[in-house]
Amino acid sequence: MNTKTLIWIGMAVGSTLGGFIPNLWGASFLSLAGVVCSGIGGLFGIWIAYKAANSY
């Protein structure tokens, strides 16, 4: 699979999962915590996808 495709998938999955984290303490998706956690999750997903794409 193309590296660019993996990075987009990693960003989408990471930001989605990161957006769910504030729900654990009762915050909504559109709160500041939701937006921040979604951004952090997206960056983490990009990093994981980049490492996975360049590992082989």
N, C-alpha and C. Protein backbone atom coordinates (compact mmCIF):
# COMPACT_ATOMS: atom_id res chain seq x y z
N MET A 1 0.85 -1.18 0.00
CA MET A 1 0.00 0.00 0.00
C MET A 1 0.90 1.24 0.00
N ASN A 2 0.42 2.28 -0.61
CA ASN A 2 1.15 3.53 -0.74
C ASN A 2 1.33 4.19 0.64
N THR A 3 2.47 4.82 0.86
CA THR A 3 2.75 5.48 2.13
C THR A 3 1.74 6.60 2.40
N LYS A 4 1.41 7.34 1.37
CA LYS A 4 0.46 8.44 1.53
C LYS A 4 -0.91 7.93 1.97
N THR A 5 -1.34 6.81 1.42
CA THR A 5 -2.62 6.23 1.80
C THR A 5 -2.60 5.77 3.25
N LEU A 6 -1.51 5.14 3.66
CA LEU A 6 -1.40 4.70 5.05
C LEU A 6 -1.42 5.89 6.02
N ILE A 7 -0.78 6.96 5.66
CA ILE A 7 -0.76 8.14 6.52
C ILE A 7 -2.16 8.74 6.64
N TRP A 8 -2.91 8.79 5.55
CA TRP A 8 -4.29 9.31 5.61
C TRP A 8 -5.17 8.42 6.48
N ILE A 9 -5.01 7.11 6.33
CA ILE A 9 -5.78 6.18 7.16
C ILE A 9 -5.40 6.33 8.62
N GLY A 10 -4.10 6.45 8.90
CA GLY A 10 -3.64 6.64 10.28
C GLY A 10 -4.17 7.93 10.89
N MET A 11 -4.21 8.98 10.09
CA MET A 11 -4.75 10.24 10.59
C MET A 11 -6.24 10.13 10.90
N ALA A 12 -6.98 9.50 10.02
CA ALA A 12 -8.42 9.36 10.22
C ALA A 12 -8.74 8.51 11.44
N VAL A 13 -8.07 7.38 11.56
CA VAL A 13 -8.32 6.49 12.70
C VAL A 13 -7.85 7.13 14.00
N GLY A 14 -6.68 7.74 13.98
CA GLY A 14 -6.15 8.38 15.19
C GLY A 14 -6.99 9.54 15.67
N SER A 15 -7.45 10.37 14.75
CA SER A 15 -8.26 11.51 15.17
C SER A 15 -9.64 11.07 15.63
N THR A 16 -10.17 10.02 15.06
CA THR A 16 -11.46 9.50 15.51
C THR A 16 -11.35 8.93 16.91
N LEU A 17 -10.34 8.11 17.13
CA LEU A 17 -10.15 7.52 18.46
C LEU A 17 -9.79 8.59 19.49
N GLY A 18 -8.99 9.56 19.09
CA GLY A 18 -8.65 10.65 19.99
C GLY A 18 -9.85 11.50 20.36
N GLY A 19 -10.80 11.63 19.45
CA GLY A 19 -12.00 12.38 19.72
C GLY A 19 -12.93 11.69 20.70
N PHE A 20 -12.82 10.38 20.81
CA PHE A 20 -13.66 9.63 21.76
C PHE A 20 -13.13 9.69 23.18
N ILE A 21 -11.88 10.01 23.38
CA ILE A 21 -11.29 10.00 24.72
C ILE A 21 -12.00 10.96 25.69
N PRO A 22 -12.35 12.18 25.30
CA PRO A 22 -13.04 13.06 26.25
C PRO A 22 -14.40 12.54 26.70
N ASN A 23 -14.99 11.64 25.95
CA ASN A 23 -16.26 11.06 26.37
C ASN A 23 -16.10 10.24 27.64
N LEU A 24 -14.91 9.81 27.94
CA LEU A 24 -14.68 9.01 29.15
C LEU A 24 -14.96 9.83 30.41
N TRP A 25 -14.74 11.15 30.36
CA TRP A 25 -15.02 11.98 31.52
C TRP A 25 -16.22 12.90 31.31
N GLY A 26 -17.01 12.64 30.27
CA GLY A 26 -18.27 13.35 30.09
C GLY A 26 -18.21 14.58 29.21
N ALA A 27 -17.10 14.86 28.58
CA ALA A 27 -17.01 16.01 27.67
C ALA A 27 -17.58 15.62 26.31
N SER A 28 -17.95 16.61 25.52
CA SER A 28 -18.52 16.32 24.21
C SER A 28 -17.41 16.32 23.15
N PHE A 29 -17.80 15.92 21.93
CA PHE A 29 -16.85 15.90 20.82
C PHE A 29 -16.38 17.30 20.45
N LEU A 30 -17.25 18.27 20.59
CA LEU A 30 -16.94 19.62 20.14
C LEU A 30 -16.39 20.51 21.25
N SER A 31 -16.08 19.93 22.39
CA SER A 31 -15.47 20.72 23.45
C SER A 31 -14.00 20.95 23.11
N LEU A 32 -13.36 21.82 23.87
CA LEU A 32 -11.94 22.08 23.64
C LEU A 32 -11.12 20.82 23.84
N ALA A 33 -11.46 20.05 24.85
CA ALA A 33 -10.74 18.79 25.09
C ALA A 33 -10.93 17.82 23.94
N GLY A 34 -12.12 17.79 23.35
CA GLY A 34 -12.37 16.91 22.22
C GLY A 34 -11.55 17.28 21.00
N VAL A 35 -11.46 18.57 20.75
CA VAL A 35 -10.69 19.04 19.59
C VAL A 35 -9.20 18.80 19.80
N VAL A 36 -8.71 19.06 21.00
CA VAL A 36 -7.29 18.87 21.30
C VAL A 36 -6.92 17.39 21.24
N CYS A 37 -7.74 16.55 21.86
CA CYS A 37 -7.45 15.11 21.84
C CYS A 37 -7.56 14.53 20.44
N SER A 38 -8.47 15.07 19.64
CA SER A 38 -8.58 14.63 18.25
C SER A 38 -7.33 15.00 17.46
N GLY A 39 -6.81 16.19 17.69
CA GLY A 39 -5.57 16.61 17.02
C GLY A 39 -4.38 15.78 17.44
N ILE A 40 -4.28 15.51 18.73
CA ILE A 40 -3.18 14.68 19.24
C ILE A 40 -3.29 13.26 18.69
N GLY A 41 -4.51 12.74 18.66
CA GLY A 41 -4.73 11.40 18.11
C GLY A 41 -4.38 11.33 16.64
N GLY A 42 -4.71 12.38 15.90
CA GLY A 42 -4.36 12.43 14.48
C GLY A 42 -2.87 12.44 14.25
N LEU A 43 -2.16 13.22 15.04
CA LEU A 43 -0.69 13.25 14.93
C LEU A 43 -0.08 11.91 15.30
N PHE A 44 -0.61 11.29 16.35
CA PHE A 44 -0.13 9.98 16.76
C PHE A 44 -0.41 8.93 15.68
N GLY A 45 -1.58 9.01 15.05
CA GLY A 45 -1.91 8.09 13.96
C GLY A 45 -1.00 8.27 12.76
N ILE A 46 -0.68 9.52 12.45
CA ILE A 46 0.25 9.79 11.35
C ILE A 46 1.62 9.22 11.66
N TRP A 47 2.09 9.40 12.89
CA TRP A 47 3.40 8.89 13.28
C TRP A 47 3.44 7.36 13.20
N ILE A 48 2.41 6.70 13.70
CA ILE A 48 2.35 5.23 13.66
C ILE A 48 2.32 4.74 12.21
N ALA A 49 1.51 5.38 11.36
CA ALA A 49 1.41 4.98 9.96
C ALA A 49 2.73 5.21 9.23
N TYR A 50 3.40 6.30 9.53
CA TYR A 50 4.70 6.58 8.89
C TYR A 50 5.73 5.53 9.29
N LYS A 51 5.75 5.19 10.58
CA LYS A 51 6.69 4.17 11.05
C LYS A 51 6.37 2.81 10.42
N ALA A 52 5.08 2.48 10.31
CA ALA A 52 4.68 1.20 9.73
C ALA A 52 5.01 1.16 8.25
N ALA A 53 4.84 2.25 7.54
CA ALA A 53 5.11 2.27 6.10
C ALA A 53 6.61 2.18 5.80
N ASN A 54 7.42 2.72 6.68
CA ASN A 54 8.87 2.70 6.43
C ASN A 54 9.59 1.57 7.14
N SER A 55 8.86 0.65 7.74
CA SER A 55 9.52 -0.43 8.47
C SER A 55 9.98 -1.56 7.55
N TYR A 56 9.41 -1.65 6.37
CA TYR A 56 9.81 -2.72 5.46
C TYR A 56 10.52 -2.21 4.26
